[in-house]
Amino acid sequence: MRSMKRLTRRILAGVCLGVSACGMVSCSGVAIPPTYTQAELKAICERRGGWWHDDDLMGGFCEYQSAGLQAP
């Protein structure tokens, strides 16, 4: 009976260690690269009729003229 409890504890400890190891491997912290580069975003913006504003801190943004302000 005593050896059965030891075996159960060892199996449970092994399963817990295996699960924690899998969790650590899956969260390895690999950075996901951006979908588009700043040059590609600028080209897309200009193709759609916008103005690209460079911003070193946030990465730049595209500005469009609202429909109400466009010349007829």
C-alpha atoms as a PDB file:
ATOM      1  CA  MET A   1       0.000   0.000   0.000  1.00  0.00           C
ATOM      2  CA  ARG A   2       2.823   2.367   0.876  1.00  0.00           C
ATOM      3  CA  SER A   3       4.690   1.691  -2.354  1.00  0.00           C
ATOM      4  CA  MET A   4       1.508   2.394  -4.338  1.00  0.00           C
ATOM      5  CA  LYS A   5       1.252   5.883  -2.761  1.00  0.00           C
ATOM      6  CA  ARG A   6       4.892   6.579  -3.631  1.00  0.00           C
ATOM      7  CA  LEU A   7       4.366   5.461  -7.204  1.00  0.00           C
ATOM      8  CA  THR A   8       1.267   7.647  -7.510  1.00  0.00           C
ATOM      9  CA  ARG A   9       3.153  10.675  -6.149  1.00  0.00           C
ATOM     10  CA  ARG A  10       6.050  10.113  -8.549  1.00  0.00           C
ATOM     11  CA  ILE A  11       3.731   9.789 -11.520  1.00  0.00           C
ATOM     12  CA  LEU A  12       1.843  12.930 -10.493  1.00  0.00           C
ATOM     13  CA  ALA A  13       5.114  14.838 -10.018  1.00  0.00           C
ATOM     14  CA  GLY A  14       6.328  13.687 -13.436  1.00  0.00           C
ATOM     15  CA  VAL A  15       3.106  14.823 -15.103  1.00  0.00           C
ATOM     16  CA  CYS A  16       3.297  18.217 -13.361  1.00  0.00           C
ATOM     17  CA  LEU A  17       6.910  18.688 -14.439  1.00  0.00           C
ATOM     18  CA  GLY A  18       6.038  17.714 -18.004  1.00  0.00           C
ATOM     19  CA  VAL A  19       3.142  20.159 -18.173  1.00  0.00           C
ATOM     20  CA  SER A  20       5.211  23.010 -16.749  1.00  0.00           C
ATOM     21  CA  ALA A  21       8.053  22.256 -19.198  1.00  0.00           C
ATOM     22  CA  CYS A  22       5.618  22.346 -22.123  1.00  0.00           C
ATOM     23  CA  GLY A  23       4.247  25.659 -20.873  1.00  0.00           C
ATOM     24  CA  MET A  24       7.702  27.173 -20.655  1.00  0.00           C
ATOM     25  CA  VAL A  25       8.629  26.039 -24.149  1.00  0.00           C
ATOM     26  CA  SER A  26       5.414  27.327 -25.707  1.00  0.00           C
ATOM     27  CA  CYS A  27       5.925  30.783 -24.150  1.00  0.00           C
ATOM     28  CA  SER A  28       9.480  31.215 -25.328  1.00  0.00           C
ATOM     29  CA  GLY A  29       9.095  34.942 -25.990  1.00  0.00           C
ATOM     30  CA  VAL A  30       9.806  34.908 -29.711  1.00  0.00           C
ATOM     31  CA  ALA A  31       8.954  38.335 -31.108  1.00  0.00           C
ATOM     32  CA  ILE A  32       6.402  38.459 -33.918  1.00  0.00           C
ATOM     33  CA  PRO A  33       7.650  40.689 -36.743  1.00  0.00           C
ATOM     34  CA  PRO A  34       5.357  43.461 -38.051  1.00  0.00           C
ATOM     35  CA  THR A  35       3.104  42.602 -40.982  1.00  0.00           C
ATOM     36  CA  TYR A  36       4.200  45.593 -43.073  1.00  0.00           C
ATOM     37  CA  THR A  37       7.318  47.763 -43.016  1.00  0.00           C
ATOM     38  CA  GLN A  38       7.021  51.541 -42.697  1.00  0.00           C
ATOM     39  CA  ALA A  39       7.915  51.950 -46.385  1.00  0.00           C
ATOM     40  CA  GLU A  40       5.122  49.553 -47.406  1.00  0.00           C
ATOM     41  CA  LEU A  41       2.607  51.353 -45.197  1.00  0.00           C
ATOM     42  CA  LYS A  42       3.642  54.684 -46.721  1.00  0.00           C
ATOM     43  CA  ALA A  43       3.174  53.306 -50.246  1.00  0.00           C
ATOM     44  CA  ILE A  44      -0.269  51.903 -49.381  1.00  0.00           C
ATOM     45  CA  CYS A  45      -1.289  55.215 -47.844  1.00  0.00           C
ATOM     46  CA  GLU A  46      -0.176  57.243 -50.865  1.00  0.00           C
ATOM     47  CA  ARG A  47      -1.870  54.832 -53.276  1.00  0.00           C
ATOM     48  CA  ARG A  48      -5.161  55.368 -51.469  1.00  0.00           C
ATOM     49  CA  GLY A  49      -4.825  59.160 -51.643  1.00  0.00           C
ATOM     50  CA  GLY A  50      -3.553  59.858 -48.140  1.00  0.00           C
ATOM     51  CA  TRP A  51      -0.602  61.716 -46.676  1.00  0.00           C
ATOM     52  CA  TRP A  52       1.996  59.772 -44.730  1.00  0.00           C
ATOM     53  CA  HIS A  53       3.441  61.351 -41.581  1.00  0.00           C
ATOM     54  CA  ASP A  54       6.685  59.872 -40.269  1.00  0.00           C
ATOM     55  CA  ASP A  55       6.845  59.348 -36.523  1.00  0.00           C
ATOM     56  CA  ASP A  56       9.892  57.735 -34.944  1.00  0.00           C
ATOM     57  CA  LEU A  57       8.136  57.089 -31.644  1.00  0.00           C
ATOM     58  CA  MET A  58       4.900  55.447 -32.838  1.00  0.00           C
ATOM     59  CA  GLY A  59       5.930  54.397 -36.340  1.00  0.00           C
ATOM     60  CA  GLY A  60       4.048  56.895 -38.503  1.00  0.00           C
ATOM     61  CA  PHE A  61       0.444  57.249 -39.587  1.00  0.00           C
ATOM     62  CA  CYS A  62      -1.679  57.936 -42.636  1.00  0.00           C
ATOM     63  CA  GLU A  63      -3.965  60.964 -42.874  1.00  0.00           C
ATOM     64  CA  TYR A  64      -6.935  61.116 -45.218  1.00  0.00           C
ATOM     65  CA  GLN A  65      -9.047  64.118 -46.113  1.00  0.00           C
ATOM     66  CA  SER A  66     -12.608  63.578 -44.928  1.00  0.00           C
ATOM     67  CA  ALA A  67     -15.312  63.241 -47.570  1.00  0.00           C
ATOM     68  CA  GLY A  68     -17.012  66.466 -46.494  1.00  0.00           C
ATOM     69  CA  LEU A  69     -13.880  68.523 -47.119  1.00  0.00           C
ATOM     70  CA  GLN A  70     -12.963  67.142 -50.548  1.00  0.00           C
ATOM     71  CA  ALA A  71     -13.279  69.414 -53.565  1.00  0.00           C
ATOM     72  CA  PRO A  72     -16.063  68.449 -56.014  1.00  0.00           C
END
